[in-house]
Amino acid sequence: MGIWAEVGIDPVELITCLQKERDELMGGPDASRRLGAVQGFVVPTLRRLGLLSERVAAHYHEFLYANLAGRLVGENVAEFMACIPSMPEDTAAFYLYVEGNAFAAATFQVVHSDGTSSGPITINGSSGATYFGFYTPCGTLEALTVTNTDGAAQGFAIGEFGIATQPNN
């Protein structure tokens, strides 16, 4: 509290205001509420990639519930899954990086729901992640599926997502 006082914040007034606004701060989301990075991008992206299993969703729900309360993320995993937003309908481009858990070569393939495929790509788990990107000049990228086709990766991680919508929207 001494640091707050040093920069001109009265700790007593701050805590008093927080107590007065507690119900509003802990209230449920309204339609204009902007979601954070995890709830608004990471979790929907995992769902769109077919990687949001109930087990993974349970871990995200546990983390978000502990930090945001049930009114914001649902009281259970089913409620959490029901309130995950979709990716934009006009998604034109999407990229991600994939890396296997094993420090060895493993074959991966990323396939779009329309059948477009990266083809088999060998990634060495000890050398860093590999880029996969998809683009459509019109229409929407709907869903991508990431698969370790030879099973040698012993699980994998995805990260550094990027998304772009159609330029006319």
N, C-alpha and C. Protein backbone atom coordinates (compact mmCIF):
# COMPACT_ATOMS: atom_id res chain seq x y z
N MET A 1 0.81 -1.19 0.00
CA MET A 1 0.00 0.00 0.00
C MET A 1 0.86 1.25 0.00
N GLY A 2 2.07 1.11 0.52
CA GLY A 2 2.98 2.25 0.53
C GLY A 2 3.31 2.72 -0.87
N ILE A 3 3.43 1.78 -1.81
CA ILE A 3 3.73 2.13 -3.20
C ILE A 3 2.58 2.94 -3.78
N TRP A 4 1.33 2.52 -3.50
CA TRP A 4 0.17 3.27 -3.99
C TRP A 4 0.21 4.70 -3.45
N ALA A 5 0.48 4.84 -2.17
CA ALA A 5 0.51 6.17 -1.56
C ALA A 5 1.60 7.02 -2.20
N GLU A 6 2.75 6.41 -2.54
CA GLU A 6 3.86 7.15 -3.15
C GLU A 6 3.48 7.73 -4.50
N VAL A 7 2.60 7.05 -5.24
CA VAL A 7 2.20 7.55 -6.56
C VAL A 7 0.88 8.31 -6.53
N GLY A 8 0.40 8.62 -5.31
CA GLY A 8 -0.77 9.48 -5.17
C GLY A 8 -2.11 8.77 -5.09
N ILE A 9 -2.11 7.47 -4.87
CA ILE A 9 -3.37 6.73 -4.74
C ILE A 9 -3.64 6.51 -3.26
N ASP A 10 -4.80 6.91 -2.82
CA ASP A 10 -5.20 6.71 -1.43
C ASP A 10 -5.74 5.29 -1.29
N PRO A 11 -4.99 4.39 -0.63
CA PRO A 11 -5.42 2.99 -0.51
C PRO A 11 -6.78 2.82 0.16
N VAL A 12 -7.08 3.62 1.15
CA VAL A 12 -8.37 3.52 1.85
C VAL A 12 -9.51 3.87 0.89
N GLU A 13 -9.33 4.95 0.13
CA GLU A 13 -10.35 5.35 -0.83
C GLU A 13 -10.52 4.29 -1.92
N LEU A 14 -9.41 3.73 -2.40
CA LEU A 14 -9.45 2.70 -3.43
C LEU A 14 -10.25 1.49 -2.95
N ILE A 15 -9.95 1.00 -1.77
CA ILE A 15 -10.64 -0.18 -1.24
C ILE A 15 -12.11 0.13 -0.97
N THR A 16 -12.40 1.32 -0.50
CA THR A 16 -13.79 1.73 -0.27
C THR A 16 -14.57 1.73 -1.58
N CYS A 17 -13.98 2.27 -2.63
CA CYS A 17 -14.64 2.29 -3.95
C CYS A 17 -14.84 0.88 -4.49
N LEU A 18 -13.84 0.03 -4.32
CA LEU A 18 -13.97 -1.36 -4.77
C LEU A 18 -15.10 -2.07 -4.05
N GLN A 19 -15.22 -1.83 -2.76
CA GLN A 19 -16.30 -2.45 -2.00
C GLN A 19 -17.66 -1.97 -2.49
N LYS A 20 -17.78 -0.68 -2.79
CA LYS A 20 -19.04 -0.13 -3.28
C LYS A 20 -19.40 -0.71 -4.66
N GLU A 21 -18.38 -0.96 -5.49
CA GLU A 21 -18.61 -1.43 -6.86
C GLU A 21 -18.49 -2.95 -6.99
N ARG A 22 -18.36 -3.65 -5.88
CA ARG A 22 -18.15 -5.10 -5.89
C ARG A 22 -19.19 -5.84 -6.71
N ASP A 23 -20.46 -5.57 -6.47
CA ASP A 23 -21.52 -6.29 -7.19
C ASP A 23 -21.43 -6.06 -8.69
N GLU A 24 -21.15 -4.83 -9.09
CA GLU A 24 -21.03 -4.52 -10.51
C GLU A 24 -19.81 -5.22 -11.12
N LEU A 25 -18.70 -5.19 -10.39
CA LEU A 25 -17.48 -5.81 -10.88
C LEU A 25 -17.60 -7.33 -11.00
N MET A 26 -18.35 -7.95 -10.11
CA MET A 26 -18.50 -9.40 -10.11
C MET A 26 -19.74 -9.86 -10.87
N GLY A 27 -20.48 -8.93 -11.45
CA GLY A 27 -21.70 -9.28 -12.18
C GLY A 27 -21.39 -10.06 -13.44
N GLY A 28 -22.43 -10.59 -14.04
CA GLY A 28 -22.27 -11.36 -15.27
C GLY A 28 -21.89 -10.47 -16.44
N PRO A 29 -21.50 -11.11 -17.53
CA PRO A 29 -21.08 -10.35 -18.70
C PRO A 29 -22.27 -9.69 -19.38
N ASP A 30 -22.04 -8.53 -19.96
CA ASP A 30 -23.07 -7.93 -20.78
C ASP A 30 -22.65 -8.09 -22.24
N ALA A 31 -23.54 -7.78 -23.14
CA ALA A 31 -23.28 -8.02 -24.56
C ALA A 31 -22.08 -7.23 -25.09
N SER A 32 -21.76 -6.12 -24.47
CA SER A 32 -20.66 -5.29 -24.97
C SER A 32 -19.32 -5.65 -24.34
N ARG A 33 -19.32 -6.60 -23.41
CA ARG A 33 -18.08 -6.96 -22.71
C ARG A 33 -17.08 -7.58 -23.68
N ARG A 34 -15.88 -7.08 -23.67
CA ARG A 34 -14.82 -7.62 -24.51
C ARG A 34 -14.15 -8.76 -23.77
N LEU A 35 -13.98 -9.89 -24.44
CA LEU A 35 -13.36 -11.05 -23.82
C LEU A 35 -11.84 -10.91 -23.85
N GLY A 36 -11.18 -11.50 -22.89
CA GLY A 36 -9.73 -11.50 -22.85
C GLY A 36 -9.15 -12.43 -23.91
N ALA A 37 -7.84 -12.48 -23.98
CA ALA A 37 -7.15 -13.27 -25.00
C ALA A 37 -7.46 -14.77 -24.90
N VAL A 38 -7.50 -15.30 -23.69
CA VAL A 38 -7.74 -16.74 -23.53
C VAL A 38 -9.17 -17.08 -23.91
N GLN A 39 -10.14 -16.38 -23.33
CA GLN A 39 -11.55 -16.69 -23.55
C GLN A 39 -12.03 -16.23 -24.93
N GLY A 40 -11.46 -15.18 -25.46
CA GLY A 40 -11.92 -14.63 -26.73
C GLY A 40 -11.17 -15.10 -27.95
N PHE A 41 -9.96 -15.68 -27.79
CA PHE A 41 -9.19 -16.10 -28.96
C PHE A 41 -8.62 -17.51 -28.83
N VAL A 42 -7.89 -17.79 -27.76
CA VAL A 42 -7.21 -19.08 -27.63
C VAL A 42 -8.21 -20.23 -27.61
N VAL A 43 -9.19 -20.16 -26.72
CA VAL A 43 -10.15 -21.26 -26.59
C VAL A 43 -10.97 -21.43 -27.87
N PRO A 44 -11.51 -20.35 -28.48
CA PRO A 44 -12.22 -20.54 -29.75
C PRO A 44 -11.32 -21.11 -30.85
N THR A 45 -10.05 -20.72 -30.86
CA THR A 45 -9.12 -21.24 -31.85
C THR A 45 -8.90 -22.73 -31.65
N LEU A 46 -8.70 -23.15 -30.41
CA LEU A 46 -8.55 -24.57 -30.14
C LEU A 46 -9.79 -25.34 -30.60
N ARG A 47 -10.97 -24.77 -30.36
CA ARG A 47 -12.21 -25.42 -30.80
C ARG A 47 -12.22 -25.53 -32.31
N ARG A 48 -11.88 -24.45 -33.00
CA ARG A 48 -11.91 -24.46 -34.46
C ARG A 48 -10.90 -25.44 -35.05
N LEU A 49 -9.80 -25.67 -34.34
CA LEU A 49 -8.78 -26.62 -34.81
C LEU A 49 -9.08 -28.05 -34.40
N GLY A 50 -10.18 -28.26 -33.71
CA GLY A 50 -10.54 -29.60 -33.27
C GLY A 50 -9.69 -30.09 -32.11
N LEU A 51 -9.08 -29.18 -31.36
CA LEU A 51 -8.18 -29.55 -30.27
C LEU A 51 -8.75 -29.26 -28.89
N LEU A 52 -10.01 -28.84 -28.81
CA LEU A 52 -10.61 -28.51 -27.52
C LEU A 52 -11.43 -29.69 -27.04
N SER A 53 -10.74 -30.66 -26.47
CA SER A 53 -11.43 -31.82 -25.90
C SER A 53 -12.10 -31.39 -24.60
N GLU A 54 -12.96 -32.24 -24.06
CA GLU A 54 -13.60 -31.91 -22.80
C GLU A 54 -12.56 -31.78 -21.68
N ARG A 55 -11.51 -32.60 -21.75
CA ARG A 55 -10.45 -32.55 -20.74
C ARG A 55 -9.72 -31.21 -20.79
N VAL A 56 -9.36 -30.75 -21.99
CA VAL A 56 -8.68 -29.47 -22.15
C VAL A 56 -9.61 -28.33 -21.72
N ALA A 57 -10.88 -28.41 -22.12
CA ALA A 57 -11.86 -27.39 -21.73
C ALA A 57 -12.00 -27.33 -20.21
N ALA A 58 -11.96 -28.50 -19.56
CA ALA A 58 -12.06 -28.53 -18.10
C ALA A 58 -10.91 -27.78 -17.44
N HIS A 59 -9.70 -27.90 -18.01
CA HIS A 59 -8.55 -27.19 -17.46
C HIS A 59 -8.71 -25.67 -17.64
N TYR A 60 -9.15 -25.24 -18.83
CA TYR A 60 -9.37 -23.81 -19.06
C TYR A 60 -10.48 -23.29 -18.15
N HIS A 61 -11.57 -24.07 -18.01
CA HIS A 61 -12.66 -23.64 -17.15
C HIS A 61 -12.18 -23.48 -15.71
N GLU A 62 -11.41 -24.44 -15.22
CA GLU A 62 -10.90 -24.38 -13.85
C GLU A 62 -10.07 -23.11 -13.64
N PHE A 63 -9.18 -22.82 -14.58
CA PHE A 63 -8.33 -21.64 -14.50
C PHE A 63 -9.15 -20.35 -14.54
N LEU A 64 -10.06 -20.25 -15.50
CA LEU A 64 -10.85 -19.03 -15.64
C LEU A 64 -11.85 -18.87 -14.50
N TYR A 65 -12.44 -19.97 -14.05
CA TYR A 65 -13.39 -19.92 -12.94
C TYR A 65 -12.72 -19.40 -11.67
N ALA A 66 -11.50 -19.86 -11.43
CA ALA A 66 -10.76 -19.43 -10.23
C ALA A 66 -10.43 -17.94 -10.28
N ASN A 67 -10.30 -17.40 -11.48
CA ASN A 67 -9.90 -16.01 -11.62
C ASN A 67 -11.04 -15.06 -11.95
N LEU A 68 -12.11 -15.56 -12.55
CA LEU A 68 -13.17 -14.66 -13.02
C LEU A 68 -14.53 -14.92 -12.39
N ALA A 69 -14.72 -16.02 -11.73
CA ALA A 69 -15.99 -16.41 -11.10
C ALA A 69 -16.94 -17.04 -12.11
N GLY A 70 -17.87 -17.81 -11.57
CA GLY A 70 -18.78 -18.60 -12.39
C GLY A 70 -19.70 -17.81 -13.28
N ARG A 71 -20.10 -16.62 -12.88
CA ARG A 71 -21.03 -15.85 -13.71
C ARG A 71 -20.41 -15.44 -15.03
N LEU A 72 -19.09 -15.44 -15.11
CA LEU A 72 -18.42 -15.05 -16.35
C LEU A 72 -18.04 -16.23 -17.23
N VAL A 73 -17.81 -17.40 -16.65
CA VAL A 73 -17.36 -18.54 -17.45
C VAL A 73 -18.25 -19.76 -17.29
N GLY A 74 -19.31 -19.65 -16.53
CA GLY A 74 -20.20 -20.79 -16.30
C GLY A 74 -19.79 -21.55 -15.05
N GLU A 75 -20.76 -22.20 -14.47
CA GLU A 75 -20.52 -22.95 -13.23
C GLU A 75 -19.89 -24.32 -13.48
N ASN A 76 -19.96 -24.82 -14.71
CA ASN A 76 -19.38 -26.12 -15.03
C ASN A 76 -18.86 -26.10 -16.47
N VAL A 77 -18.24 -27.19 -16.89
CA VAL A 77 -17.62 -27.24 -18.22
C VAL A 77 -18.67 -27.10 -19.32
N ALA A 78 -19.85 -27.69 -19.14
CA ALA A 78 -20.90 -27.59 -20.16
C ALA A 78 -21.31 -26.13 -20.38
N GLU A 79 -21.50 -25.39 -19.31
CA GLU A 79 -21.85 -23.96 -19.44
C GLU A 79 -20.70 -23.19 -20.08
N PHE A 80 -19.47 -23.53 -19.71
CA PHE A 80 -18.29 -22.88 -20.29
C PHE A 80 -18.25 -23.12 -21.80
N MET A 81 -18.44 -24.37 -22.22
CA MET A 81 -18.41 -24.70 -23.64
C MET A 81 -19.51 -23.95 -24.41
N ALA A 82 -20.66 -23.77 -23.77
CA ALA A 82 -21.78 -23.09 -24.42
C ALA A 82 -21.52 -21.60 -24.62
N CYS A 83 -20.64 -21.01 -23.81
CA CYS A 83 -20.42 -19.56 -23.94
C CYS A 83 -19.12 -19.22 -24.68
N ILE A 84 -18.47 -20.21 -25.31
CA ILE A 84 -17.27 -19.92 -26.10
C ILE A 84 -17.70 -19.30 -27.42
N PRO A 85 -17.17 -18.13 -27.74
CA PRO A 85 -17.55 -17.49 -29.00
C PRO A 85 -16.96 -18.24 -30.19
N SER A 86 -17.56 -18.05 -31.34
CA SER A 86 -17.04 -18.64 -32.57
C SER A 86 -15.99 -17.71 -33.16
N MET A 87 -15.19 -18.25 -34.05
CA MET A 87 -14.26 -17.42 -34.79
C MET A 87 -15.08 -16.61 -35.80
N PRO A 88 -14.53 -15.51 -36.30
CA PRO A 88 -15.29 -14.70 -37.26
C PRO A 88 -15.72 -15.52 -38.48
N GLU A 89 -16.94 -15.27 -38.92
CA GLU A 89 -17.47 -16.00 -40.07
C GLU A 89 -16.72 -15.66 -41.35
N ASP A 90 -16.08 -14.50 -41.40
CA ASP A 90 -15.38 -14.09 -42.62
C ASP A 90 -13.86 -14.27 -42.50
N THR A 91 -13.44 -15.32 -41.80
CA THR A 91 -12.01 -15.59 -41.65
C THR A 91 -11.42 -15.94 -43.02
N ALA A 92 -10.45 -15.15 -43.47
CA ALA A 92 -9.83 -15.35 -44.78
C ALA A 92 -8.47 -16.03 -44.68
N ALA A 93 -7.76 -15.82 -43.58
CA ALA A 93 -6.43 -16.41 -43.43
C ALA A 93 -6.21 -16.78 -41.97
N PHE A 94 -5.47 -17.85 -41.80
CA PHE A 94 -5.19 -18.33 -40.46
C PHE A 94 -3.83 -19.02 -40.47
N TYR A 95 -3.00 -18.74 -39.47
CA TYR A 95 -1.74 -19.48 -39.36
C TYR A 95 -1.51 -19.90 -37.92
N LEU A 96 -0.67 -20.89 -37.77
CA LEU A 96 -0.26 -21.37 -36.46
C LEU A 96 1.07 -22.10 -36.61
N TYR A 97 1.72 -22.33 -35.48
CA TYR A 97 2.95 -23.10 -35.45
C TYR A 97 2.69 -24.37 -34.66
N VAL A 98 3.32 -25.47 -35.10
CA VAL A 98 3.14 -26.78 -34.47
C VAL A 98 4.50 -27.35 -34.13
N GLU A 99 4.60 -27.97 -32.95
CA GLU A 99 5.84 -28.64 -32.55
C GLU A 99 5.49 -29.88 -31.73
N GLY A 100 6.17 -30.97 -32.00
CA GLY A 100 5.95 -32.20 -31.26
C GLY A 100 6.61 -32.17 -29.90
N ASN A 101 6.11 -33.00 -28.97
CA ASN A 101 6.71 -33.09 -27.63
C ASN A 101 8.03 -33.83 -27.64
N ALA A 102 8.12 -34.88 -28.45
CA ALA A 102 9.36 -35.68 -28.51
C ALA A 102 10.44 -34.90 -29.24
N PHE A 103 11.67 -35.03 -28.78
CA PHE A 103 12.80 -34.40 -29.46
C PHE A 103 13.27 -35.30 -30.59
N ALA A 104 12.38 -35.53 -31.53
CA ALA A 104 12.64 -36.40 -32.67
C ALA A 104 11.77 -35.95 -33.84
N ALA A 105 12.05 -36.51 -35.01
CA ALA A 105 11.24 -36.19 -36.19
C ALA A 105 9.86 -36.83 -36.08
N ALA A 106 8.84 -36.08 -36.46
CA ALA A 106 7.47 -36.58 -36.46
C ALA A 106 6.74 -35.92 -37.63
N THR A 107 5.81 -36.64 -38.21
CA THR A 107 5.08 -36.14 -39.37
C THR A 107 3.73 -35.58 -38.95
N PHE A 108 3.45 -34.37 -39.42
CA PHE A 108 2.19 -33.69 -39.13
C PHE A 108 1.49 -33.34 -40.43
N GLN A 109 0.20 -33.16 -40.32
CA GLN A 109 -0.61 -32.69 -41.44
C GLN A 109 -1.71 -31.81 -40.88
N VAL A 110 -1.96 -30.68 -41.55
CA VAL A 110 -3.06 -29.80 -41.18
C VAL A 110 -4.02 -29.78 -42.37
N VAL A 111 -5.29 -30.07 -42.10
CA VAL A 111 -6.29 -30.19 -43.15
C VAL A 111 -7.45 -29.23 -42.86
N HIS A 112 -7.85 -28.48 -43.90
CA HIS A 112 -9.01 -27.59 -43.80
C HIS A 112 -10.27 -28.42 -44.05
N SER A 113 -11.39 -27.95 -43.53
CA SER A 113 -12.65 -28.70 -43.67
C SER A 113 -13.07 -28.89 -45.12
N ASP A 114 -12.54 -28.08 -46.06
CA ASP A 114 -12.87 -28.27 -47.48
C ASP A 114 -11.96 -29.29 -48.15
N GLY A 115 -11.03 -29.88 -47.39
CA GLY A 115 -10.13 -30.90 -47.92
C GLY A 115 -8.74 -30.40 -48.28
N THR A 116 -8.55 -29.08 -48.34
CA THR A 116 -7.22 -28.53 -48.61
C THR A 116 -6.28 -28.97 -47.50
N SER A 117 -5.08 -29.44 -47.90
CA SER A 117 -4.17 -30.01 -46.92
C SER A 117 -2.76 -29.45 -47.07
N SER A 118 -2.07 -29.41 -45.96
CA SER A 118 -0.66 -29.03 -45.99
C SER A 118 0.18 -30.14 -46.60
N GLY A 119 -0.38 -31.35 -46.63
CA GLY A 119 0.41 -32.52 -46.98
C GLY A 119 1.24 -32.91 -45.78
N PRO A 120 1.88 -34.05 -45.83
CA PRO A 120 2.70 -34.47 -44.69
C PRO A 120 3.96 -33.62 -44.57
N ILE A 121 4.19 -33.08 -43.37
CA ILE A 121 5.35 -32.24 -43.10
C ILE A 121 6.10 -32.85 -41.91
N THR A 122 7.39 -33.07 -42.07
CA THR A 122 8.19 -33.60 -40.97
C THR A 122 8.72 -32.45 -40.13
N ILE A 123 8.48 -32.56 -38.81
CA ILE A 123 8.91 -31.53 -37.86
C ILE A 123 9.80 -32.22 -36.83
N ASN A 124 10.95 -31.62 -36.57
CA ASN A 124 11.83 -32.17 -35.54
C ASN A 124 11.55 -31.43 -34.23
N GLY A 125 11.10 -32.16 -33.22
CA GLY A 125 10.71 -31.57 -31.95
C GLY A 125 11.83 -30.85 -31.22
N SER A 126 13.07 -31.12 -31.57
CA SER A 126 14.17 -30.43 -30.90
C SER A 126 14.63 -29.19 -31.67
N SER A 127 14.00 -28.91 -32.78
CA SER A 127 14.45 -27.79 -33.63
C SER A 127 13.51 -26.61 -33.67
N GLY A 128 12.43 -26.66 -32.95
CA GLY A 128 11.49 -25.54 -32.96
C GLY A 128 10.24 -25.85 -33.74
N ALA A 129 9.27 -24.97 -33.63
CA ALA A 129 7.97 -25.17 -34.25
C ALA A 129 8.01 -24.84 -35.74
N THR A 130 7.04 -25.38 -36.47
CA THR A 130 6.93 -25.17 -37.91
C THR A 130 5.63 -24.45 -38.25
N TYR A 131 5.71 -23.53 -39.19
CA TYR A 131 4.58 -22.71 -39.63
C TYR A 131 3.63 -23.51 -40.52
N PHE A 132 2.33 -23.32 -40.32
CA PHE A 132 1.29 -23.80 -41.21
C PHE A 132 0.35 -22.63 -41.44
N GLY A 133 0.02 -22.33 -42.69
CA GLY A 133 -0.88 -21.23 -42.97
C GLY A 133 -1.87 -21.57 -44.06
N PHE A 134 -3.06 -21.04 -43.95
CA PHE A 134 -4.11 -21.25 -44.94
C PHE A 134 -4.73 -19.91 -45.29
N TYR A 135 -5.12 -19.77 -46.56
CA TYR A 135 -5.71 -18.53 -47.04
C TYR A 135 -6.79 -18.86 -48.06
N THR A 136 -7.85 -18.10 -48.07
CA THR A 136 -8.87 -18.20 -49.11
C THR A 136 -9.18 -16.80 -49.60
N PRO A 137 -9.16 -16.56 -50.92
CA PRO A 137 -9.43 -15.22 -51.43
C PRO A 137 -10.90 -14.82 -51.29
N CYS A 138 -11.79 -15.79 -51.16
CA CYS A 138 -13.20 -15.50 -50.93
C CYS A 138 -13.77 -16.66 -50.11
N GLY A 139 -14.82 -16.40 -49.43
CA GLY A 139 -15.37 -17.43 -48.57
C GLY A 139 -14.77 -17.36 -47.18
N THR A 140 -14.88 -18.47 -46.45
CA THR A 140 -14.47 -18.50 -45.06
C THR A 140 -13.69 -19.76 -44.76
N LEU A 141 -12.59 -19.61 -44.02
CA LEU A 141 -11.92 -20.78 -43.47
C LEU A 141 -12.75 -21.24 -42.28
N GLU A 142 -13.26 -22.44 -42.34
CA GLU A 142 -14.19 -22.89 -41.31
C GLU A 142 -13.50 -23.61 -40.16
N ALA A 143 -12.77 -24.66 -40.48
CA ALA A 143 -12.15 -25.46 -39.42
C ALA A 143 -10.89 -26.11 -39.96
N LEU A 144 -9.89 -26.22 -39.11
CA LEU A 144 -8.64 -26.89 -39.44
C LEU A 144 -8.45 -28.03 -38.45
N THR A 145 -7.86 -29.12 -38.92
CA THR A 145 -7.56 -30.25 -38.05
C THR A 145 -6.06 -30.51 -38.10
N VAL A 146 -5.42 -30.51 -36.94
CA VAL A 146 -3.98 -30.79 -36.84
C VAL A 146 -3.84 -32.24 -36.41
N THR A 147 -3.03 -33.01 -37.15
CA THR A 147 -2.85 -34.43 -36.85
C THR A 147 -1.38 -34.79 -36.89
N ASN A 148 -0.93 -35.55 -35.90
CA ASN A 148 0.40 -36.16 -35.92
C ASN A 148 0.19 -37.52 -36.57
N THR A 149 0.45 -37.60 -37.89
CA THR A 149 0.06 -38.76 -38.67
C THR A 149 0.83 -40.03 -38.35
N ASP A 150 2.07 -39.93 -37.87
CA ASP A 150 2.83 -41.13 -37.55
C ASP A 150 2.88 -41.44 -36.06
N GLY A 151 2.31 -40.56 -35.22
CA GLY A 151 2.27 -40.79 -33.77
C GLY A 151 3.60 -40.62 -33.06
N ALA A 152 4.65 -40.24 -33.77
CA ALA A 152 5.99 -40.17 -33.18
C ALA A 152 6.20 -38.94 -32.30
N ALA A 153 5.30 -37.96 -32.35
CA ALA A 153 5.51 -36.71 -31.61
C ALA A 153 5.23 -36.85 -30.12
N GLN A 154 4.54 -37.90 -29.71
CA GLN A 154 4.16 -38.09 -28.30
C GLN A 154 3.40 -36.88 -27.78
N GLY A 155 2.43 -36.43 -28.54
CA GLY A 155 1.69 -35.22 -28.22
C GLY A 155 2.33 -34.04 -28.91
N PHE A 156 1.64 -32.92 -28.92
CA PHE A 156 2.21 -31.74 -29.58
C PHE A 156 1.59 -30.47 -29.01
N ALA A 157 2.24 -29.37 -29.33
CA ALA A 157 1.76 -28.06 -28.91
C ALA A 157 1.52 -27.22 -30.15
N ILE A 158 0.56 -26.31 -30.05
CA ILE A 158 0.35 -25.33 -31.11
C ILE A 158 0.47 -23.95 -30.49
N GLY A 159 0.83 -22.98 -31.28
CA GLY A 159 0.96 -21.64 -30.73
C GLY A 159 1.17 -20.61 -31.80
N GLU A 160 1.34 -19.38 -31.36
CA GLU A 160 1.52 -18.19 -32.21
C GLU A 160 0.50 -18.18 -33.35
N PHE A 161 -0.75 -18.06 -32.96
CA PHE A 161 -1.83 -18.01 -33.94
C PHE A 161 -1.92 -16.65 -34.59
N GLY A 162 -2.43 -16.64 -35.79
CA GLY A 162 -2.74 -15.39 -36.45
C GLY A 162 -4.01 -15.56 -37.27
N ILE A 163 -4.79 -14.51 -37.38
CA ILE A 163 -6.05 -14.58 -38.10
C ILE A 163 -6.28 -13.27 -38.83
N ALA A 164 -6.88 -13.37 -40.01
CA ALA A 164 -7.26 -12.17 -40.75
C ALA A 164 -8.63 -12.41 -41.36
N THR A 165 -9.43 -11.36 -41.43
CA THR A 165 -10.74 -11.46 -42.05
C THR A 165 -10.68 -10.93 -43.47
N GLN A 166 -11.75 -11.17 -44.23
CA GLN A 166 -11.81 -10.68 -45.61
C GLN A 166 -11.69 -9.16 -45.59
N PRO A 167 -10.92 -8.58 -46.51
CA PRO A 167 -10.65 -7.13 -46.49
C PRO A 167 -11.89 -6.26 -46.71
N ASN A 168 -12.95 -6.77 -47.33
CA ASN A 168 -14.13 -5.95 -47.58
C ASN A 168 -15.07 -5.90 -46.39
N ASN A 169 -14.69 -6.50 -45.24
CA ASN A 169 -15.58 -6.51 -44.08
C ASN A 169 -15.05 -5.66 -42.98
